[in-house]
Every structure is written in C-alpha cells, then in structure tokens.
Amino acid sequence: MARGFESKDVEFQQAEAARSAPRGAELTAAERDARSRRRTIELALARARADLAAARTPAHRQMLADAIAALEQQLGLR
C-alpha cells in the first residue's frame, strides 16, 4: 500500500532535523589527523595483541612484544 503524502512529509522533516542537529564543536584538520592517527595506532595495537596471543614461536612472540611496546610508547602508555 502506498504511503500518504503527510507521512512522507513527517519523515522528511525528521530526517532534516537529525541532519541539522549540532554535532558538537567542529574539529580542525590537525585535530582530525591526530585522532585518525591515534585510532590507527590503537587498531594496530589490538591486532598485535591478538597476534601475540596466537603466536607459537619465540622469535615471532618477541617481534610482536617489541611491536606492542613501540605502539604503546606512541600512544603514551609507557
């Protein structure tokens, strides 16, 4: 069954209100870059920790431990 014009208009108004709602302070380009870089490092750290949990050889475990230490240092965790 086709929807009436009024329900479409209400849906449109709700969508417009959601789009125009303030999302907080806009970030500068430098702030966006810093957040993006931090998120990338956090994801790499999570991946390295997961890989370490599955690693079997001592050399691979050591390499991953070193990588984790370097990533934590970049995040200021160490």
PDB file of N, CA and C in Angstrom:
ATOM      1  N   MET A   1       0.843  -1.163   0.000  1.00  0.00           N
ATOM      2  CA  MET A   1       0.000   0.000   0.000  1.00  0.00           C
ATOM      3  C   MET A   1       0.894   1.233   0.000  1.00  0.00           C
ATOM      4  N   ALA A   2       0.532   2.218  -0.751  1.00  0.00           N
ATOM      5  CA  ALA A   2       1.329   3.440  -0.872  1.00  0.00           C
ATOM      6  C   ALA A   2       1.162   4.285   0.377  1.00  0.00           C
ATOM      7  N   ARG A   3       2.258   4.919   0.756  1.00  0.00           N
ATOM      8  CA  ARG A   3       2.212   5.811   1.916  1.00  0.00           C
ATOM      9  C   ARG A   3       1.674   7.161   1.485  1.00  0.00           C
ATOM     10  N   GLY A   4       0.974   7.795   2.378  1.00  0.00           N
ATOM     11  CA  GLY A   4       0.404   9.105   2.072  1.00  0.00           C
ATOM     12  C   GLY A   4       1.451  10.193   2.080  1.00  0.00           C
ATOM     13  N   PHE A   5       1.097  11.305   1.481  1.00  0.00           N
ATOM     14  CA  PHE A   5       1.996  12.454   1.388  1.00  0.00           C
ATOM     15  C   PHE A   5       2.387  12.966   2.768  1.00  0.00           C
ATOM     16  N   GLU A   6       1.432  12.974   3.693  1.00  0.00           N
ATOM     17  CA  GLU A   6       1.696  13.523   5.025  1.00  0.00           C
ATOM     18  C   GLU A   6       2.746  12.707   5.769  1.00  0.00           C
ATOM     19  N   SER A   7       2.691  11.390   5.680  1.00  0.00           N
ATOM     20  CA  SER A   7       3.677  10.574   6.385  1.00  0.00           C
ATOM     21  C   SER A   7       5.065  10.759   5.767  1.00  0.00           C
ATOM     22  N   LYS A   8       5.119  10.948   4.448  1.00  0.00           N
ATOM     23  CA  LYS A   8       6.404  11.208   3.805  1.00  0.00           C
ATOM     24  C   LYS A   8       6.951  12.554   4.248  1.00  0.00           C
ATOM     25  N   ASP A   9       6.074  13.530   4.396  1.00  0.00           N
ATOM     26  CA  ASP A   9       6.494  14.865   4.828  1.00  0.00           C
ATOM     27  C   ASP A   9       7.026  14.818   6.260  1.00  0.00           C
ATOM     28  N   VAL A  10       6.372  14.075   7.123  1.00  0.00           N
ATOM     29  CA  VAL A  10       6.834  13.936   8.509  1.00  0.00           C
ATOM     30  C   VAL A  10       8.200  13.255   8.534  1.00  0.00           C
ATOM     31  N   GLU A  11       8.364  12.210   7.749  1.00  0.00           N
ATOM     32  CA  GLU A  11       9.648  11.507   7.670  1.00  0.00           C
ATOM     33  C   GLU A  11      10.748  12.453   7.184  1.00  0.00           C
ATOM     34  N   PHE A  12      10.436  13.258   6.176  1.00  0.00           N
ATOM     35  CA  PHE A  12      11.400  14.218   5.646  1.00  0.00           C
ATOM     36  C   PHE A  12      11.790  15.242   6.711  1.00  0.00           C
ATOM     37  N   GLN A  13      10.799  15.738   7.453  1.00  0.00           N
ATOM     38  CA  GLN A  13      11.081  16.726   8.495  1.00  0.00           C
ATOM     39  C   GLN A  13      11.962  16.127   9.598  1.00  0.00           C
ATOM     40  N   GLN A  14      11.725  14.887   9.953  1.00  0.00           N
ATOM     41  CA  GLN A  14      12.538  14.234  10.972  1.00  0.00           C
ATOM     42  C   GLN A  14      13.973  14.038  10.483  1.00  0.00           C
ATOM     43  N   ALA A  15      14.107  13.672   9.220  1.00  0.00           N
ATOM     44  CA  ALA A  15      15.444  13.491   8.662  1.00  0.00           C
ATOM     45  C   ALA A  15      16.189  14.813   8.599  1.00  0.00           C
ATOM     46  N   GLU A  16      15.513  15.873   8.227  1.00  0.00           N
ATOM     47  CA  GLU A  16      16.138  17.205   8.170  1.00  0.00           C
ATOM     48  C   GLU A  16      16.559  17.665   9.556  1.00  0.00           C
ATOM     49  N   ALA A  17      15.733  17.421  10.556  1.00  0.00           N
ATOM     50  CA  ALA A  17      16.059  17.815  11.924  1.00  0.00           C
ATOM     51  C   ALA A  17      17.289  17.055  12.416  1.00  0.00           C
ATOM     52  N   ALA A  18      17.369  15.783  12.090  1.00  0.00           N
ATOM     53  CA  ALA A  18      18.520  14.986  12.512  1.00  0.00           C
ATOM     54  C   ALA A  18      19.793  15.461  11.826  1.00  0.00           C
ATOM     55  N   ARG A  19      19.685  15.836  10.559  1.00  0.00           N
ATOM     56  CA  ARG A  19      20.861  16.302   9.815  1.00  0.00           C
ATOM     57  C   ARG A  19      21.353  17.658  10.290  1.00  0.00           C
ATOM     58  N   SER A  20      20.441  18.524  10.679  1.00  0.00           N
ATOM     59  CA  SER A  20      20.840  19.876  11.054  1.00  0.00           C
ATOM     60  C   SER A  20      21.148  20.016  12.545  1.00  0.00           C
ATOM     61  N   ALA A  21      20.979  18.946  13.305  1.00  0.00           N
ATOM     62  CA  ALA A  21      21.276  18.999  14.743  1.00  0.00           C
ATOM     63  C   ALA A  21      22.764  19.248  14.948  1.00  0.00           C
ATOM     64  N   PRO A  22      23.123  20.082  15.916  1.00  0.00           N
ATOM     65  CA  PRO A  22      24.548  20.345  16.164  1.00  0.00           C
ATOM     66  C   PRO A  22      25.252  19.085  16.646  1.00  0.00           C
ATOM     67  N   ARG A  23      26.430  18.855  16.105  1.00  0.00           N
ATOM     68  CA  ARG A  23      27.192  17.644  16.439  1.00  0.00           C
ATOM     69  C   ARG A  23      28.352  17.969  17.368  1.00  0.00           C
ATOM     70  N   GLY A  24      28.334  19.094  18.005  1.00  0.00           N
ATOM     71  CA  GLY A  24      29.447  19.481  18.851  1.00  0.00           C
ATOM     72  C   GLY A  24      30.391  20.362  18.070  1.00  0.00           C
ATOM     73  N   ALA A  25      31.507  20.646  18.661  1.00  0.00           N
ATOM     74  CA  ALA A  25      32.493  21.520  18.029  1.00  0.00           C
ATOM     75  C   ALA A  25      33.122  20.823  16.821  1.00  0.00           C
ATOM     76  N   GLU A  26      33.261  21.553  15.752  1.00  0.00           N
ATOM     77  CA  GLU A  26      33.932  21.028  14.570  1.00  0.00           C
ATOM     78  C   GLU A  26      35.433  20.948  14.849  1.00  0.00           C
ATOM     79  N   LEU A  27      36.058  19.931  14.330  1.00  0.00           N
ATOM     80  CA  LEU A  27      37.487  19.729  14.550  1.00  0.00           C
ATOM     81  C   LEU A  27      38.288  20.390  13.438  1.00  0.00           C
ATOM     82  N   THR A  28      39.470  20.838  13.812  1.00  0.00           N
ATOM     83  CA  THR A  28      40.372  21.370  12.802  1.00  0.00           C
ATOM     84  C   THR A  28      40.990  20.206  12.039  1.00  0.00           C
ATOM     85  N   ALA A  29      41.632  20.514  10.954  1.00  0.00           N
ATOM     86  CA  ALA A  29      42.279  19.467  10.153  1.00  0.00           C
ATOM     87  C   ALA A  29      43.348  18.750  10.978  1.00  0.00           C
ATOM     88  N   ALA A  30      44.099  19.495  11.762  1.00  0.00           N
ATOM     89  CA  ALA A  30      45.150  18.894  12.589  1.00  0.00           C
ATOM     90  C   ALA A  30      44.553  17.969  13.643  1.00  0.00           C
ATOM     91  N   GLU A  31      43.428  18.369  14.233  1.00  0.00           N
ATOM     92  CA  GLU A  31      42.779  17.525  15.238  1.00  0.00           C
ATOM     93  C   GLU A  31      42.225  16.247  14.606  1.00  0.00           C
ATOM     94  N   ARG A  32      41.634  16.375  13.425  1.00  0.00           N
ATOM     95  CA  ARG A  32      41.140  15.189  12.729  1.00  0.00           C
ATOM     96  C   ARG A  32      42.285  14.242  12.391  1.00  0.00           C
ATOM     97  N   ASP A  33      43.410  14.794  11.938  1.00  0.00           N
ATOM     98  CA  ASP A  33      44.576  13.964  11.616  1.00  0.00           C
ATOM     99  C   ASP A  33      45.105  13.263  12.856  1.00  0.00           C
ATOM    100  N   ALA A  34      45.165  13.991  13.978  1.00  0.00           N
ATOM    101  CA  ALA A  34      45.667  13.409  15.217  1.00  0.00           C
ATOM    102  C   ALA A  34      44.751  12.284  15.686  1.00  0.00           C
ATOM    103  N   ARG A  35      43.446  12.491  15.610  1.00  0.00           N
ATOM    104  CA  ARG A  35      42.501  11.440  16.011  1.00  0.00           C
ATOM    105  C   ARG A  35      42.598  10.224  15.093  1.00  0.00           C
ATOM    106  N   SER A  36      42.728  10.486  13.822  1.00  0.00           N
ATOM    107  CA  SER A  36      42.837   9.391  12.860  1.00  0.00           C
ATOM    108  C   SER A  36      44.107   8.594  13.107  1.00  0.00           C
ATOM    109  N   ARG A  37      45.209   9.286  13.349  1.00  0.00           N
ATOM    110  CA  ARG A  37      46.486   8.607  13.608  1.00  0.00           C
ATOM    111  C   ARG A  37      46.394   7.776  14.890  1.00  0.00           C
ATOM    112  N   ARG A  38      45.803   8.354  15.941  1.00  0.00           N
ATOM    113  CA  ARG A  38      45.671   7.628  17.197  1.00  0.00           C
ATOM    114  C   ARG A  38      44.801   6.383  17.013  1.00  0.00           C
ATOM    115  N   ARG A  39      43.717   6.516  16.270  1.00  0.00           N
ATOM    116  CA  ARG A  39      42.832   5.375  16.041  1.00  0.00           C
ATOM    117  C   ARG A  39      43.548   4.281  15.258  1.00  0.00           C
ATOM    118  N   THR A  40      44.350   4.676  14.296  1.00  0.00           N
ATOM    119  CA  THR A  40      45.118   3.702  13.518  1.00  0.00           C
ATOM    120  C   THR A  40      46.092   2.954  14.415  1.00  0.00           C
ATOM    121  N   ILE A  41      46.762   3.666  15.298  1.00  0.00           N
ATOM    122  CA  ILE A  41      47.710   3.031  16.219  1.00  0.00           C
ATOM    123  C   ILE A  41      46.973   2.103  17.181  1.00  0.00           C
ATOM    124  N   GLU A  42      45.814   2.535  17.678  1.00  0.00           N
ATOM    125  CA  GLU A  42      45.033   1.692  18.580  1.00  0.00           C
ATOM    126  C   GLU A  42      44.601   0.391  17.896  1.00  0.00           C
ATOM    127  N   LEU A  43      44.199   0.493  16.639  1.00  0.00           N
ATOM    128  CA  LEU A  43      43.817  -0.713  15.903  1.00  0.00           C
ATOM    129  C   LEU A  43      45.012  -1.629  15.667  1.00  0.00           C
ATOM    130  N   ALA A  44      46.162  -1.056  15.340  1.00  0.00           N
ATOM    131  CA  ALA A  44      47.373  -1.856  15.150  1.00  0.00           C
ATOM    132  C   ALA A  44      47.773  -2.544  16.455  1.00  0.00           C
ATOM    133  N   LEU A  45      47.603  -1.840  17.565  1.00  0.00           N
ATOM    134  CA  LEU A  45      47.924  -2.412  18.870  1.00  0.00           C
ATOM    135  C   LEU A  45      47.002  -3.581  19.194  1.00  0.00           C
ATOM    136  N   ALA A  46      45.721  -3.417  18.926  1.00  0.00           N
ATOM    137  CA  ALA A  46      44.774  -4.506  19.174  1.00  0.00           C
ATOM    138  C   ALA A  46      45.111  -5.723  18.311  1.00  0.00           C
ATOM    139  N   ARG A  47      45.473  -5.474  17.079  1.00  0.00           N
ATOM    140  CA  ARG A  47      45.830  -6.580  16.177  1.00  0.00           C
ATOM    141  C   ARG A  47      47.103  -7.282  16.658  1.00  0.00           C
ATOM    142  N   ALA A  48      48.097  -6.510  17.064  1.00  0.00           N
ATOM    143  CA  ALA A  48      49.347  -7.097  17.539  1.00  0.00           C
ATOM    144  C   ALA A  48      49.120  -7.932  18.801  1.00  0.00           C
ATOM    145  N   ARG A  49      48.258  -7.452  19.695  1.00  0.00           N
ATOM    146  CA  ARG A  49      47.953  -8.219  20.913  1.00  0.00           C
ATOM    147  C   ARG A  49      47.249  -9.522  20.578  1.00  0.00           C
ATOM    148  N   ALA A  50      46.325  -9.471  19.623  1.00  0.00           N
ATOM    149  CA  ALA A  50      45.629 -10.695  19.211  1.00  0.00           C
ATOM    150  C   ALA A  50      46.599 -11.665  18.556  1.00  0.00           C
ATOM    151  N   ASP A  51      47.500 -11.139  17.726  1.00  0.00           N
ATOM    152  CA  ASP A  51      48.503 -11.990  17.080  1.00  0.00           C
ATOM    153  C   ASP A  51      49.430 -12.609  18.117  1.00  0.00           C
ATOM    154  N   LEU A  52      49.782 -11.842  19.142  1.00  0.00           N
ATOM    155  CA  LEU A  52      50.669 -12.357  20.199  1.00  0.00           C
ATOM    156  C   LEU A  52      50.007 -13.522  20.932  1.00  0.00           C
ATOM    157  N   ALA A  53      48.708 -13.407  21.150  1.00  0.00           N
ATOM    158  CA  ALA A  53      48.002 -14.480  21.846  1.00  0.00           C
ATOM    159  C   ALA A  53      48.014 -15.775  21.038  1.00  0.00           C
ATOM    160  N   ALA A  54      48.101 -15.651  19.728  1.00  0.00           N
ATOM    161  CA  ALA A  54      48.081 -16.845  18.869  1.00  0.00           C
ATOM    162  C   ALA A  54      49.476 -17.288  18.440  1.00  0.00           C
ATOM    163  N   ALA A  55      50.499 -16.477  18.698  1.00  0.00           N
ATOM    164  CA  ALA A  55      51.855 -16.789  18.234  1.00  0.00           C
ATOM    165  C   ALA A  55      52.417 -17.995  18.980  1.00  0.00           C
ATOM    166  N   ARG A  56      53.179 -18.801  18.251  1.00  0.00           N
ATOM    167  CA  ARG A  56      53.749 -20.018  18.837  1.00  0.00           C
ATOM    168  C   ARG A  56      55.268 -19.969  18.959  1.00  0.00           C
ATOM    169  N   THR A  57      55.940 -19.405  17.972  1.00  0.00           N
ATOM    170  CA  THR A  57      57.404 -19.431  18.006  1.00  0.00           C
ATOM    171  C   THR A  57      57.945 -18.280  18.843  1.00  0.00           C
ATOM    172  N   PRO A  58      59.031 -18.537  19.569  1.00  0.00           N
ATOM    173  CA  PRO A  58      59.602 -17.484  20.415  1.00  0.00           C
ATOM    174  C   PRO A  58      60.025 -16.234  19.635  1.00  0.00           C
ATOM    175  N   ALA A  59      60.562 -16.412  18.447  1.00  0.00           N
ATOM    176  CA  ALA A  59      61.000 -15.254  17.670  1.00  0.00           C
ATOM    177  C   ALA A  59      59.806 -14.384  17.263  1.00  0.00           C
ATOM    178  N   HIS A  60      58.730 -15.023  16.874  1.00  0.00           N
ATOM    179  CA  HIS A  60      57.529 -14.281  16.485  1.00  0.00           C
ATOM    180  C   HIS A  60      56.914 -13.571  17.690  1.00  0.00           C
ATOM    181  N   ARG A  61      56.891 -14.271  18.831  1.00  0.00           N
ATOM    182  CA  ARG A  61      56.366 -13.665  20.061  1.00  0.00           C
ATOM    183  C   ARG A  61      57.200 -12.453  20.461  1.00  0.00           C
ATOM    184  N   GLN A  62      58.521 -12.556  20.336  1.00  0.00           N
ATOM    185  CA  GLN A  62      59.395 -11.428  20.694  1.00  0.00           C
ATOM    186  C   GLN A  62      59.173 -10.254  19.753  1.00  0.00           C
ATOM    187  N   MET A  63      59.045 -10.538  18.466  1.00  0.00           N
ATOM    188  CA  MET A  63      58.812  -9.474  17.484  1.00  0.00           C
ATOM    189  C   MET A  63      57.501  -8.747  17.792  1.00  0.00           C
ATOM    190  N   LEU A  64      56.461  -9.510  18.123  1.00  0.00           N
ATOM    191  CA  LEU A  64      55.180  -8.897  18.449  1.00  0.00           C
ATOM    192  C   LEU A  64      55.236  -8.113  19.758  1.00  0.00           C
ATOM    193  N   ALA A  65      55.958  -8.633  20.737  1.00  0.00           N
ATOM    194  CA  ALA A  65      56.112  -7.916  22.004  1.00  0.00           C
ATOM    195  C   ALA A  65      56.823  -6.583  21.780  1.00  0.00           C
ATOM    196  N   ASP A  66      57.837  -6.587  20.932  1.00  0.00           N
ATOM    197  CA  ASP A  66      58.546  -5.342  20.611  1.00  0.00           C
ATOM    198  C   ASP A  66      57.627  -4.362  19.886  1.00  0.00           C
ATOM    199  N   ALA A  67      56.825  -4.872  18.976  1.00  0.00           N
ATOM    200  CA  ALA A  67      55.889  -4.015  18.243  1.00  0.00           C
ATOM    201  C   ALA A  67      54.848  -3.421  19.192  1.00  0.00           C
ATOM    202  N   ILE A  68      54.354  -4.217  20.116  1.00  0.00           N
ATOM    203  CA  ILE A  68      53.383  -3.735  21.099  1.00  0.00           C
ATOM    204  C   ILE A  68      53.999  -2.638  21.954  1.00  0.00           C
ATOM    205  N   ALA A  69      55.232  -2.838  22.390  1.00  0.00           N
ATOM    206  CA  ALA A  69      55.909  -1.831  23.199  1.00  0.00           C
ATOM    207  C   ALA A  69      56.057  -0.519  22.417  1.00  0.00           C
ATOM    208  N   ALA A  70      56.410  -0.606  21.159  1.00  0.00           N
ATOM    209  CA  ALA A  70      56.568   0.594  20.342  1.00  0.00           C
ATOM    210  C   ALA A  70      55.236   1.311  20.152  1.00  0.00           C
ATOM    211  N   LEU A  71      54.176   0.556  19.912  1.00  0.00           N
ATOM    212  CA  LEU A  71      52.856   1.161  19.728  1.00  0.00           C
ATOM    213  C   LEU A  71      52.361   1.803  21.020  1.00  0.00           C
ATOM    214  N   GLU A  72      52.573   1.121  22.137  1.00  0.00           N
ATOM    215  CA  GLU A  72      52.177   1.699  23.427  1.00  0.00           C
ATOM    216  C   GLU A  72      52.951   2.978  23.717  1.00  0.00           C
ATOM    217  N   GLN A  73      54.223   3.003  23.333  1.00  0.00           N
ATOM    218  CA  GLN A  73      55.025   4.211  23.529  1.00  0.00           C
ATOM    219  C   GLN A  73      54.464   5.359  22.686  1.00  0.00           C
ATOM    220  N   GLN A  74      54.057   5.057  21.458  1.00  0.00           N
ATOM    221  CA  GLN A  74      53.477   6.101  20.591  1.00  0.00           C
ATOM    222  C   GLN A  74      52.181   6.650  21.172  1.00  0.00           C
ATOM    223  N   LEU A  75      51.442   5.799  21.859  1.00  0.00           N
ATOM    224  CA  LEU A  75      50.181   6.240  22.478  1.00  0.00           C
ATOM    225  C   LEU A  75      50.408   6.888  23.834  1.00  0.00           C
ATOM    226  N   GLY A  76      51.618   6.822  24.335  1.00  0.00           N
ATOM    227  CA  GLY A  76      51.921   7.399  25.636  1.00  0.00           C
ATOM    228  C   GLY A  76      51.517   6.511  26.788  1.00  0.00           C
ATOM    229  N   LEU A  77      51.390   5.221  26.524  1.00  0.00           N
ATOM    230  CA  LEU A  77      51.019   4.267  27.561  1.00  0.00           C
ATOM    231  C   LEU A  77      52.217   3.775  28.359  1.00  0.00           C
ATOM    232  N   ARG A  78      53.402   4.052  27.862  1.00  0.00           N
ATOM    233  CA  ARG A  78      54.630   3.626  28.558  1.00  0.00           C
ATOM    234  C   ARG A  78      55.492   4.811  28.840  1.00  0.00           C
TER     235      ARG A  78
END
